[in-house]
PDB file of N, CA and C in Angstrom:
ATOM      1  N   MET A   1       9.607  78.419-130.852  1.00  0.00           N
ATOM      2  CA  MET A   1       9.625  78.130-129.437  1.00  0.00           C
ATOM      3  C   MET A   1       9.449  79.424-128.648  1.00  0.00           C
ATOM      4  N   SER A   2       8.891  79.286-127.477  1.00  0.00           N
ATOM      5  CA  SER A   2       8.687  80.456-126.630  1.00  0.00           C
ATOM      6  C   SER A   2       9.986  80.844-125.928  1.00  0.00           C
ATOM      7  N   SER A   3      10.023  82.064-125.448  1.00  0.00           N
ATOM      8  CA  SER A   3      11.207  82.554-124.730  1.00  0.00           C
ATOM      9  C   SER A   3      11.472  81.719-123.485  1.00  0.00           C
ATOM     10  N   LYS A   4      10.409  81.319-122.830  1.00  0.00           N
ATOM     11  CA  LYS A   4      10.540  80.510-121.611  1.00  0.00           C
ATOM     12  C   LYS A   4      11.220  79.180-121.930  1.00  0.00           C
ATOM     13  N   THR A   5      10.800  78.518-122.995  1.00  0.00           N
ATOM     14  CA  THR A   5      11.364  77.223-123.381  1.00  0.00           C
ATOM     15  C   THR A   5      12.822  77.362-123.784  1.00  0.00           C
ATOM     16  N   ILE A   6      13.126  78.378-124.574  1.00  0.00           N
ATOM     17  CA  ILE A   6      14.501  78.602-125.014  1.00  0.00           C
ATOM     18  C   ILE A   6      15.395  78.890-123.809  1.00  0.00           C
ATOM     19  N   SER A   7      14.885  79.660-122.858  1.00  0.00           N
ATOM     20  CA  SER A   7      15.654  79.975-121.655  1.00  0.00           C
ATOM     21  C   SER A   7      15.962  78.721-120.845  1.00  0.00           C
ATOM     22  N   MET A   8      15.021  77.811-120.783  1.00  0.00           N
ATOM     23  CA  MET A   8      15.230  76.576-120.031  1.00  0.00           C
ATOM     24  C   MET A   8      16.204  75.651-120.758  1.00  0.00           C
ATOM     25  N   ILE A   9      16.117  75.584-122.069  1.00  0.00           N
ATOM     26  CA  ILE A   9      17.001  74.722-122.859  1.00  0.00           C
ATOM     27  C   ILE A   9      18.451  75.176-122.729  1.00  0.00           C
ATOM     28  N   ALA A  10      18.674  76.467-122.541  1.00  0.00           N
ATOM     29  CA  ALA A  10      20.032  77.007-122.460  1.00  0.00           C
ATOM     30  C   ALA A  10      20.847  76.363-121.340  1.00  0.00           C
ATOM     31  N   TYR A  11      20.201  75.893-120.304  1.00  0.00           N
ATOM     32  CA  TYR A  11      20.913  75.303-119.165  1.00  0.00           C
ATOM     33  C   TYR A  11      21.229  73.816-119.341  1.00  0.00           C
ATOM     34  N   ILE A  12      20.667  73.189-120.368  1.00  0.00           N
ATOM     35  CA  ILE A  12      20.820  71.744-120.536  1.00  0.00           C
ATOM     36  C   ILE A  12      22.025  71.468-121.431  1.00  0.00           C
ATOM     37  N   THR A  13      23.164  71.311-120.850  1.00  0.00           N
ATOM     38  CA  THR A  13      24.460  71.063-121.482  1.00  0.00           C
ATOM     39  C   THR A  13      24.838  72.188-122.446  1.00  0.00           C
ATOM     40  N   ILE A  14      26.046  72.146-122.909  1.00  0.00           N
ATOM     41  CA  ILE A  14      26.529  73.162-123.830  1.00  0.00           C
ATOM     42  C   ILE A  14      25.831  73.033-125.185  1.00  0.00           C
ATOM     43  N   ILE A  15      25.404  71.845-125.542  1.00  0.00           N
ATOM     44  CA  ILE A  15      24.663  71.659-126.793  1.00  0.00           C
ATOM     45  C   ILE A  15      23.305  72.349-126.696  1.00  0.00           C
ATOM     46  N   GLY A  16      22.654  72.224-125.557  1.00  0.00           N
ATOM     47  CA  GLY A  16      21.397  72.933-125.343  1.00  0.00           C
ATOM     48  C   GLY A  16      21.598  74.433-125.402  1.00  0.00           C
ATOM     49  N   TRP A  17      22.731  74.908-124.871  1.00  0.00           N
ATOM     50  CA  TRP A  17      23.029  76.339-124.924  1.00  0.00           C
ATOM     51  C   TRP A  17      23.191  76.789-126.362  1.00  0.00           C
ATOM     52  N   LEU A  18      23.899  76.003-127.171  1.00  0.00           N
ATOM     53  CA  LEU A  18      24.083  76.349-128.584  1.00  0.00           C
ATOM     54  C   LEU A  18      22.757  76.352-129.336  1.00  0.00           C
ATOM     55  N   ILE A  19      21.904  75.382-129.058  1.00  0.00           N
ATOM     56  CA  ILE A  19      20.579  75.341-129.687  1.00  0.00           C
ATOM     57  C   ILE A  19      19.795  76.601-129.320  1.00  0.00           C
ATOM     58  N   ALA A  20      19.793  76.954-128.038  1.00  0.00           N
ATOM     59  CA  ALA A  20      19.068  78.146-127.593  1.00  0.00           C
ATOM     60  C   ALA A  20      19.662  79.412-128.208  1.00  0.00           C
ATOM     61  N   PHE A  21      20.984  79.469-128.303  1.00  0.00           N
ATOM     62  CA  PHE A  21      21.651  80.643-128.861  1.00  0.00           C
ATOM     63  C   PHE A  21      21.264  80.849-130.323  1.00  0.00           C
ATOM     64  N   PHE A  22      21.346  79.791-131.127  1.00  0.00           N
ATOM     65  CA  PHE A  22      21.040  79.932-132.552  1.00  0.00           C
ATOM     66  C   PHE A  22      19.544  80.012-132.822  1.00  0.00           C
ATOM     67  N   GLN A  23      18.731  79.395-131.990  1.00  0.00           N
ATOM     68  CA  GLN A  23      17.273  79.466-132.159  1.00  0.00           C
ATOM     69  C   GLN A  23      16.760  80.885-131.900  1.00  0.00           C
ATOM     70  N   SER A  24      17.443  81.607-131.025  1.00  0.00           N
ATOM     71  CA  SER A  24      16.947  82.927-130.631  1.00  0.00           C
ATOM     72  C   SER A  24      17.727  84.079-131.250  1.00  0.00           C
ATOM     73  N   ARG A  25      18.618  83.820-132.181  1.00  0.00           N
ATOM     74  CA  ARG A  25      19.492  84.893-132.673  1.00  0.00           C
ATOM     75  C   ARG A  25      18.748  86.011-133.379  1.00  0.00           C
ATOM     76  N   ASN A  26      17.619  85.721-134.012  1.00  0.00           N
ATOM     77  CA  ASN A  26      16.878  86.774-134.718  1.00  0.00           C
ATOM     78  C   ASN A  26      15.966  87.575-133.798  1.00  0.00           C
ATOM     79  N   THR A  27      15.362  86.901-132.858  1.00  0.00           N
ATOM     80  CA  THR A  27      14.432  87.563-131.940  1.00  0.00           C
ATOM     81  C   THR A  27      14.793  87.208-130.508  1.00  0.00           C
ATOM     82  N   ARG A  28      15.870  87.781-130.009  1.00  0.00           N
ATOM     83  CA  ARG A  28      16.340  87.474-128.655  1.00  0.00           C
ATOM     84  C   ARG A  28      15.680  88.430-127.667  1.00  0.00           C
ATOM     85  N   THR A  29      14.823  87.889-126.824  1.00  0.00           N
ATOM     86  CA  THR A  29      14.148  88.686-125.810  1.00  0.00           C
ATOM     87  C   THR A  29      15.091  88.905-124.630  1.00  0.00           C
ATOM     88  N   PRO A  30      14.793  89.886-123.771  1.00  0.00           N
ATOM     89  CA  PRO A  30      15.633  90.088-122.577  1.00  0.00           C
ATOM     90  C   PRO A  30      15.704  88.849-121.682  1.00  0.00           C
ATOM     91  N   LEU A  31      14.624  88.095-121.600  1.00  0.00           N
ATOM     92  CA  LEU A  31      14.615  86.874-120.778  1.00  0.00           C
ATOM     93  C   LEU A  31      15.614  85.859-121.330  1.00  0.00           C
ATOM     94  N   VAL A  32      15.575  85.628-122.625  1.00  0.00           N
ATOM     95  CA  VAL A  32      16.484  84.666-123.243  1.00  0.00           C
ATOM     96  C   VAL A  32      17.924  85.145-123.116  1.00  0.00           C
ATOM     97  N   LYS A  33      18.161  86.408-123.355  1.00  0.00           N
ATOM     98  CA  LYS A  33      19.513  86.971-123.255  1.00  0.00           C
ATOM     99  C   LYS A  33      20.069  86.773-121.844  1.00  0.00           C
ATOM    100  N   PHE A  34      19.263  87.079-120.839  1.00  0.00           N
ATOM    101  CA  PHE A  34      19.694  86.935-119.451  1.00  0.00           C
ATOM    102  C   PHE A  34      20.072  85.482-119.144  1.00  0.00           C
ATOM    103  N   HIS A  35      19.218  84.542-119.534  1.00  0.00           N
ATOM    104  CA  HIS A  35      19.468  83.145-119.190  1.00  0.00           C
ATOM    105  C   HIS A  35      20.572  82.527-120.049  1.00  0.00           C
ATOM    106  N   LEU A  36      20.774  83.014-121.263  1.00  0.00           N
ATOM    107  CA  LEU A  36      21.925  82.567-122.048  1.00  0.00           C
ATOM    108  C   LEU A  36      23.221  82.979-121.360  1.00  0.00           C
ATOM    109  N   GLU A  37      23.254  84.211-120.861  1.00  0.00           N
ATOM    110  CA  GLU A  37      24.444  84.690-120.159  1.00  0.00           C
ATOM    111  C   GLU A  37      24.683  83.888-118.872  1.00  0.00           C
ATOM    112  N   GLN A  38      23.633  83.662-118.103  1.00  0.00           N
ATOM    113  CA  GLN A  38      23.768  82.910-116.854  1.00  0.00           C
ATOM    114  C   GLN A  38      24.205  81.467-117.122  1.00  0.00           C
ATOM    115  N   ALA A  39      23.611  80.830-118.127  1.00  0.00           N
ATOM    116  CA  ALA A  39      23.954  79.444-118.445  1.00  0.00           C
ATOM    117  C   ALA A  39      25.400  79.333-118.924  1.00  0.00           C
ATOM    118  N   LEU A  40      25.840  80.269-119.755  1.00  0.00           N
ATOM    119  CA  LEU A  40      27.233  80.254-120.206  1.00  0.00           C
ATOM    120  C   LEU A  40      28.181  80.417-119.020  1.00  0.00           C
ATOM    121  N   GLY A  41      27.811  81.279-118.106  1.00  0.00           N
ATOM    122  CA  GLY A  41      28.611  81.458-116.895  1.00  0.00           C
ATOM    123  C   GLY A  41      28.682  80.195-116.057  1.00  0.00           C
ATOM    124  N   VAL A  42      27.586  79.461-115.985  1.00  0.00           N
ATOM    125  CA  VAL A  42      27.578  78.201-115.232  1.00  0.00           C
ATOM    126  C   VAL A  42      28.501  77.186-115.894  1.00  0.00           C
ATOM    127  N   PHE A  43      28.500  77.132-117.218  1.00  0.00           N
ATOM    128  CA  PHE A  43      29.363  76.177-117.909  1.00  0.00           C
ATOM    129  C   PHE A  43      30.836  76.531-117.736  1.00  0.00           C
ATOM    130  N   ILE A  44      31.159  77.803-117.782  1.00  0.00           N
ATOM    131  CA  ILE A  44      32.540  78.234-117.546  1.00  0.00           C
ATOM    132  C   ILE A  44      32.940  77.930-116.108  1.00  0.00           C
ATOM    133  N   PHE A  45      32.044  78.253-115.167  1.00  0.00           N
ATOM    134  CA  PHE A  45      32.300  77.946-113.761  1.00  0.00           C
ATOM    135  C   PHE A  45      32.490  76.450-113.552  1.00  0.00           C
ATOM    136  N   SER A  46      31.666  75.643-114.189  1.00  0.00           N
ATOM    137  CA  SER A  46      31.741  74.193-114.034  1.00  0.00           C
ATOM    138  C   SER A  46      33.095  73.657-114.476  1.00  0.00           C
ATOM    139  N   PHE A  47      33.595  74.153-115.598  1.00  0.00           N
ATOM    140  CA  PHE A  47      34.911  73.718-116.077  1.00  0.00           C
ATOM    141  C   PHE A  47      36.004  74.124-115.087  1.00  0.00           C
ATOM    142  N   CYS A  48      35.992  75.384-114.674  1.00  0.00           N
ATOM    143  CA  CYS A  48      37.006  75.877-113.724  1.00  0.00           C
ATOM    144  C   CYS A  48      36.910  75.147-112.395  1.00  0.00           C
ATOM    145  N   TRP A  49      35.695  74.905-111.926  1.00  0.00           N
ATOM    146  CA  TRP A  49      35.465  74.215-110.657  1.00  0.00           C
ATOM    147  C   TRP A  49      36.040  72.805-110.696  1.00  0.00           C
ATOM    148  N   SER A  50      35.842  72.094-111.810  1.00  0.00           N
ATOM    149  CA  SER A  50      36.362  70.732-111.897  1.00  0.00           C
ATOM    150  C   SER A  50      37.892  70.730-111.914  1.00  0.00           C
ATOM    151  N   VAL A  51      38.500  71.702-112.567  1.00  0.00           N
ATOM    152  CA  VAL A  51      39.963  71.798-112.569  1.00  0.00           C
ATOM    153  C   VAL A  51      40.475  72.084-111.158  1.00  0.00           C
ATOM    154  N   ILE A  52      39.845  73.015-110.469  1.00  0.00           N
ATOM    155  CA  ILE A  52      40.253  73.352-109.097  1.00  0.00           C
ATOM    156  C   ILE A  52      40.118  72.140-108.179  1.00  0.00           C
ATOM    157  N   LEU A  53      39.011  71.408-108.295  1.00  0.00           N
ATOM    158  CA  LEU A  53      38.820  70.232-107.438  1.00  0.00           C
ATOM    159  C   LEU A  53      39.862  69.158-107.724  1.00  0.00           C
ATOM    160  N   ARG A  54      40.163  68.939-108.991  1.00  0.00           N
ATOM    161  CA  ARG A  54      41.176  67.925-109.334  1.00  0.00           C
ATOM    162  C   ARG A  54      42.543  68.282-108.748  1.00  0.00           C
ATOM    163  N   ILE A  55      42.906  69.548-108.875  1.00  0.00           N
ATOM    164  CA  ILE A  55      44.190  69.987-108.313  1.00  0.00           C
ATOM    165  C   ILE A  55      44.176  69.842-106.795  1.00  0.00           C
ATOM    166  N   LEU A  56      43.098  70.267-106.179  1.00  0.00           N
ATOM    167  CA  LEU A  56      42.983  70.184-104.727  1.00  0.00           C
ATOM    168  C   LEU A  56      43.088  68.741-104.239  1.00  0.00           C
ATOM    169  N   PHE A  57      42.418  67.824-104.927  1.00  0.00           N
ATOM    170  CA  PHE A  57      42.433  66.426-104.497  1.00  0.00           C
ATOM    171  C   PHE A  57      43.750  65.749-104.833  1.00  0.00           C
ATOM    172  N   PHE A  58      44.459  66.253-105.815  1.00  0.00           N
ATOM    173  CA  PHE A  58      45.789  65.722-106.101  1.00  0.00           C
ATOM    174  C   PHE A  58      46.771  66.142-105.011  1.00  0.00           C
ATOM    175  N   VAL A  59      46.645  67.382-104.560  1.00  0.00           N
ATOM    176  CA  VAL A  59      47.540  67.912-103.540  1.00  0.00           C
ATOM    177  C   VAL A  59      47.186  67.350-102.158  1.00  0.00           C
ATOM    178  N   ILE A  60      45.883  67.238-101.872  1.00  0.00           N
ATOM    179  CA  ILE A  60      45.421  66.759-100.564  1.00  0.00           C
ATOM    180  C   ILE A  60      44.476  65.572-100.778  1.00  0.00           C
ATOM    181  N   PRO A  61      44.994  64.379-100.996  1.00  0.00           N
ATOM    182  CA  PRO A  61      44.153  63.208-101.291  1.00  0.00           C
ATOM    183  C   PRO A  61      43.084  62.869-100.245  1.00  0.00           C
ATOM    184  N   PRO A  62      43.295  63.114 -98.934  1.00  0.00           N
ATOM    185  CA  PRO A  62      42.230  62.774 -97.981  1.00  0.00           C
ATOM    186  C   PRO A  62      40.935  63.572 -98.189  1.00  0.00           C
ATOM    187  N   LEU A  63      40.992  64.660 -98.940  1.00  0.00           N
ATOM    188  CA  LEU A  63      39.776  65.440 -99.195  1.00  0.00           C
ATOM    189  C   LEU A  63      38.921  64.862-100.321  1.00  0.00           C
ATOM    190  N   ALA A  64      39.406  63.836-100.983  1.00  0.00           N
ATOM    191  CA  ALA A  64      38.691  63.268-102.129  1.00  0.00           C
ATOM    192  C   ALA A  64      37.253  62.825-101.811  1.00  0.00           C
ATOM    193  N   PRO A  65      36.974  62.227-100.650  1.00  0.00           N
ATOM    194  CA  PRO A  65      35.578  61.862-100.369  1.00  0.00           C
ATOM    195  C   PRO A  65      34.625  63.062-100.334  1.00  0.00           C
ATOM    196  N   VAL A  66      35.132  64.201 -99.928  1.00  0.00           N
ATOM    197  CA  VAL A  66      34.312  65.419 -99.909  1.00  0.00           C
ATOM    198  C   VAL A  66      34.044  65.896-101.342  1.00  0.00           C
ATOM    199  N   GLY A  67      34.932  65.506-102.252  1.00  0.00           N
ATOM    200  CA  GLY A  67      34.808  65.923-103.649  1.00  0.00           C
ATOM    201  C   GLY A  67      33.519  65.487-104.296  1.00  0.00           C
ATOM    202  N   GLY A  68      32.999  64.353-103.880  1.00  0.00           N
ATOM    203  CA  GLY A  68      31.723  63.896-104.426  1.00  0.00           C
ATOM    204  C   GLY A  68      30.613  64.899-104.173  1.00  0.00           C
ATOM    205  N   ILE A  69      30.610  65.475-103.005  1.00  0.00           N
ATOM    206  CA  ILE A  69      29.597  66.470-102.654  1.00  0.00           C
ATOM    207  C   ILE A  69      29.871  67.787-103.375  1.00  0.00           C
ATOM    208  N   LEU A  70      31.136  68.202-103.369  1.00  0.00           N
ATOM    209  CA  LEU A  70      31.494  69.478-103.997  1.00  0.00           C
ATOM    210  C   LEU A  70      31.307  69.463-105.514  1.00  0.00           C
ATOM    211  N   SER A  71      31.388  68.299-106.122  1.00  0.00           N
ATOM    212  CA  SER A  71      31.240  68.230-107.569  1.00  0.00           C
ATOM    213  C   SER A  71      29.795  68.459-108.022  1.00  0.00           C
ATOM    214  N   PHE A  72      28.852  68.448-107.093  1.00  0.00           N
ATOM    215  CA  PHE A  72      27.453  68.696-107.438  1.00  0.00           C
ATOM    216  C   PHE A  72      27.085  70.181-107.441  1.00  0.00           C
ATOM    217  N   VAL A  73      27.998  71.047-107.063  1.00  0.00           N
ATOM    218  CA  VAL A  73      27.711  72.488-107.011  1.00  0.00           C
ATOM    219  C   VAL A  73      27.243  73.027-108.366  1.00  0.00           C
ATOM    220  N   PRO A  74      27.925  72.732-109.492  1.00  0.00           N
ATOM    221  CA  PRO A  74      27.422  73.229-110.783  1.00  0.00           C
ATOM    222  C   PRO A  74      26.030  72.695-111.129  1.00  0.00           C
ATOM    223  N   LEU A  75      25.748  71.458-110.750  1.00  0.00           N
ATOM    224  CA  LEU A  75      24.420  70.892-111.008  1.00  0.00           C
ATOM    225  C   LEU A  75      23.339  71.676-110.255  1.00  0.00           C
ATOM    226  N   VAL A  76      23.646  72.069-109.037  1.00  0.00           N
ATOM    227  CA  VAL A  76      22.696  72.871-108.254  1.00  0.00           C
ATOM    228  C   VAL A  76      22.433  74.208-108.963  1.00  0.00           C
ATOM    229  N   PHE A  77      23.492  74.837-109.481  1.00  0.00           N
ATOM    230  CA  PHE A  77      23.318  76.098-110.211  1.00  0.00           C
ATOM    231  C   PHE A  77      22.466  75.901-111.467  1.00  0.00           C
ATOM    232  N   ILE A  78      22.671  74.789-112.159  1.00  0.00           N
ATOM    233  CA  ILE A  78      21.880  74.507-113.360  1.00  0.00           C
ATOM    234  C   ILE A  78      20.410  74.331-113.001  1.00  0.00           C
ATOM    235  N   ILE A  79      20.137  73.593-111.949  1.00  0.00           N
ATOM    236  CA  ILE A  79      18.743  73.380-111.523  1.00  0.00           C
ATOM    237  C   ILE A  79      18.099  74.704-111.120  1.00  0.00           C
ATOM    238  N   LEU A  80      18.822  75.529-110.362  1.00  0.00           N
ATOM    239  CA  LEU A  80      18.278  76.831-109.975  1.00  0.00           C
ATOM    240  C   LEU A  80      18.021  77.708-111.200  1.00  0.00           C
ATOM    241  N   GLY A  81      18.908  77.645-112.178  1.00  0.00           N
ATOM    242  CA  GLY A  81      18.718  78.416-113.408  1.00  0.00           C
ATOM    243  C   GLY A  81      17.489  77.967-114.176  1.00  0.00           C
ATOM    244  N   ILE A  82      17.283  76.669-114.269  1.00  0.00           N
ATOM    245  CA  ILE A  82      16.104  76.150-114.966  1.00  0.00           C
ATOM    246  C   ILE A  82      14.829  76.563-114.232  1.00  0.00           C
ATOM    247  N   ILE A  83      14.860  76.517-112.911  1.00  0.00           N
ATOM    248  CA  ILE A  83      13.687  76.940-112.128  1.00  0.00           C
ATOM    249  C   ILE A  83      13.390  78.418-112.370  1.00  0.00           C
ATOM    250  N   ASN A  84      14.431  79.255-112.339  1.00  0.00           N
ATOM    251  CA  ASN A  84      14.225  80.689-112.601  1.00  0.00           C
ATOM    252  C   ASN A  84      13.710  80.924-114.009  1.00  0.00           C
ATOM    253  N   ALA A  85      14.224  80.191-114.989  1.00  0.00           N
ATOM    254  CA  ALA A  85      13.763  80.345-116.363  1.00  0.00           C
ATOM    255  C   ALA A  85      12.314  79.894-116.510  1.00  0.00           C
ATOM    256  N   SER A  86      11.932  78.828-115.817  1.00  0.00           N
ATOM    257  CA  SER A  86      10.553  78.347-115.914  1.00  0.00           C
ATOM    258  C   SER A  86       9.561  79.322-115.289  1.00  0.00           C
ATOM    259  N   LYS A  87      10.019  80.082-114.320  1.00  0.00           N
ATOM    260  CA  LYS A  87       9.167  81.098-113.694  1.00  0.00           C
ATOM    261  C   LYS A  87       9.286  82.455-114.392  1.00  0.00           C
ATOM    262  N   GLU A  88      10.121  82.515-115.442  1.00  0.00           N
ATOM    263  CA  GLU A  88      10.372  83.733-116.205  1.00  0.00           C
ATOM    264  C   GLU A  88      10.901  84.860-115.311  1.00  0.00           C
ATOM    265  N   GLN A  89      11.803  84.497-114.414  1.00  0.00           N
ATOM    266  CA  GLN A  89      12.405  85.459-113.497  1.00  0.00           C
ATOM    267  C   GLN A  89      13.798  85.855-113.977  1.00  0.00           C
ATOM    268  N   PHE A  90      14.202  87.064-113.626  1.00  0.00           N
ATOM    269  CA  PHE A  90      15.530  87.576-113.948  1.00  0.00           C
ATOM    270  C   PHE A  90      16.432  87.526-112.717  1.00  0.00           C
ATOM    271  N   THR A  91      16.291  86.492-111.909  1.00  0.00           N
ATOM    272  CA  THR A  91      17.060  86.351-110.678  1.00  0.00           C
ATOM    273  C   THR A  91      18.431  85.752-110.990  1.00  0.00           C
ATOM    274  N   PRO A  92      19.516  86.462-110.627  1.00  0.00           N
ATOM    275  CA  PRO A  92      20.844  85.884-110.859  1.00  0.00           C
ATOM    276  C   PRO A  92      21.082  84.680-109.962  1.00  0.00           C
ATOM    277  N   LEU A  93      21.928  83.797-110.426  1.00  0.00           N
ATOM    278  CA  LEU A  93      22.259  82.608-109.644  1.00  0.00           C
ATOM    279  C   LEU A  93      23.030  83.011-108.390  1.00  0.00           C
ATOM    280  N   PRO A  94      22.894  82.240-107.312  1.00  0.00           N
ATOM    281  CA  PRO A  94      23.627  82.580-106.096  1.00  0.00           C
ATOM    282  C   PRO A  94      25.141  82.499-106.326  1.00  0.00           C
ATOM    283  N   ILE A  95      25.861  83.317-105.648  1.00  0.00           N
ATOM    284  CA  ILE A  95      27.320  83.382-105.630  1.00  0.00           C
ATOM    285  C   ILE A  95      27.916  83.837-106.963  1.00  0.00           C
ATOM    286  N   ILE A  96      27.623  83.139-108.059  1.00  0.00           N
ATOM    287  CA  ILE A  96      28.269  83.469-109.328  1.00  0.00           C
ATOM    288  C   ILE A  96      27.412  84.338-110.245  1.00  0.00           C
ATOM    289  N   GLY A  97      26.147  84.482-109.960  1.00  0.00           N
ATOM    290  CA  GLY A  97      25.230  85.186-110.858  1.00  0.00           C
ATOM    291  C   GLY A  97      25.594  86.630-111.128  1.00  0.00           C
ATOM    292  N   ASN A  98      25.950  87.379-110.101  1.00  0.00           N
ATOM    293  CA  ASN A  98      26.304  88.778-110.296  1.00  0.00           C
ATOM    294  C   ASN A  98      27.652  88.929-110.995  1.00  0.00           C
ATOM    295  N   LEU A  99      28.566  88.014-110.740  1.00  0.00           N
ATOM    296  CA  LEU A  99      29.851  88.032-111.451  1.00  0.00           C
ATOM    297  C   LEU A  99      29.636  87.793-112.939  1.00  0.00           C
ATOM    298  N   ILE A 100      28.737  86.882-113.240  1.00  0.00           N
ATOM    299  CA  ILE A 100      28.426  86.572-114.629  1.00  0.00           C
ATOM    300  C   ILE A 100      27.805  87.774-115.325  1.00  0.00           C
ATOM    301  N   ALA A 101      26.873  88.434-114.629  1.00  0.00           N
ATOM    302  CA  ALA A 101      26.185  89.583-115.226  1.00  0.00           C
ATOM    303  C   ALA A 101      27.159  90.707-115.563  1.00  0.00           C
ATOM    304  N   ASP A 102      28.209  90.844-114.767  1.00  0.00           N
ATOM    305  CA  ASP A 102      29.190  91.900-115.022  1.00  0.00           C
ATOM    306  C   ASP A 102      30.154  91.557-116.141  1.00  0.00           C
ATOM    307  N   LYS A 103      30.492  90.294-116.317  1.00  0.00           N
ATOM    308  CA  LYS A 103      31.546  89.871-117.251  1.00  0.00           C
ATOM    309  C   LYS A 103      31.048  89.435-118.614  1.00  0.00           C
ATOM    310  N   ILE A 104      29.920  88.736-118.670  1.00  0.00           N
ATOM    311  CA  ILE A 104      29.460  88.155-119.921  1.00  0.00           C
ATOM    312  C   ILE A 104      28.314  88.985-120.497  1.00  0.00           C
ATOM    313  N   LYS A 105      28.497  89.456-121.707  1.00  0.00           N
ATOM    314  CA  LYS A 105      27.441  90.215-122.393  1.00  0.00           C
ATOM    315  C   LYS A 105      27.255  89.609-123.784  1.00  0.00           C
ATOM    316  N   LEU A 106      26.031  89.209-124.084  1.00  0.00           N
ATOM    317  CA  LEU A 106      25.722  88.661-125.409  1.00  0.00           C
ATOM    318  C   LEU A 106      24.967  89.672-126.236  1.00  0.00           C
TER     319      LEU A 106
END
């Protein structure tokens, strides 16, 4: 598979990330490495985000209708990541991309 394809697969669920990780372990290009790191960061963010939203809606139940909109934030990051990977760009994701680049190294 090409680096572009592997980079795009990394964003498609954690199983896609694992496939991309093991498929590229022998010949990991900078593009694949960058998008593996960004995708892993999105998955970690997604888990933390869902926990924060659940706690918030438990404490303040009237905010629950807004939760439907807020729960799509990780999906937006995934779509932006796939778009960047398809264009073979090294653009970090908005808001969390630079944090990910500093913390996660593969």
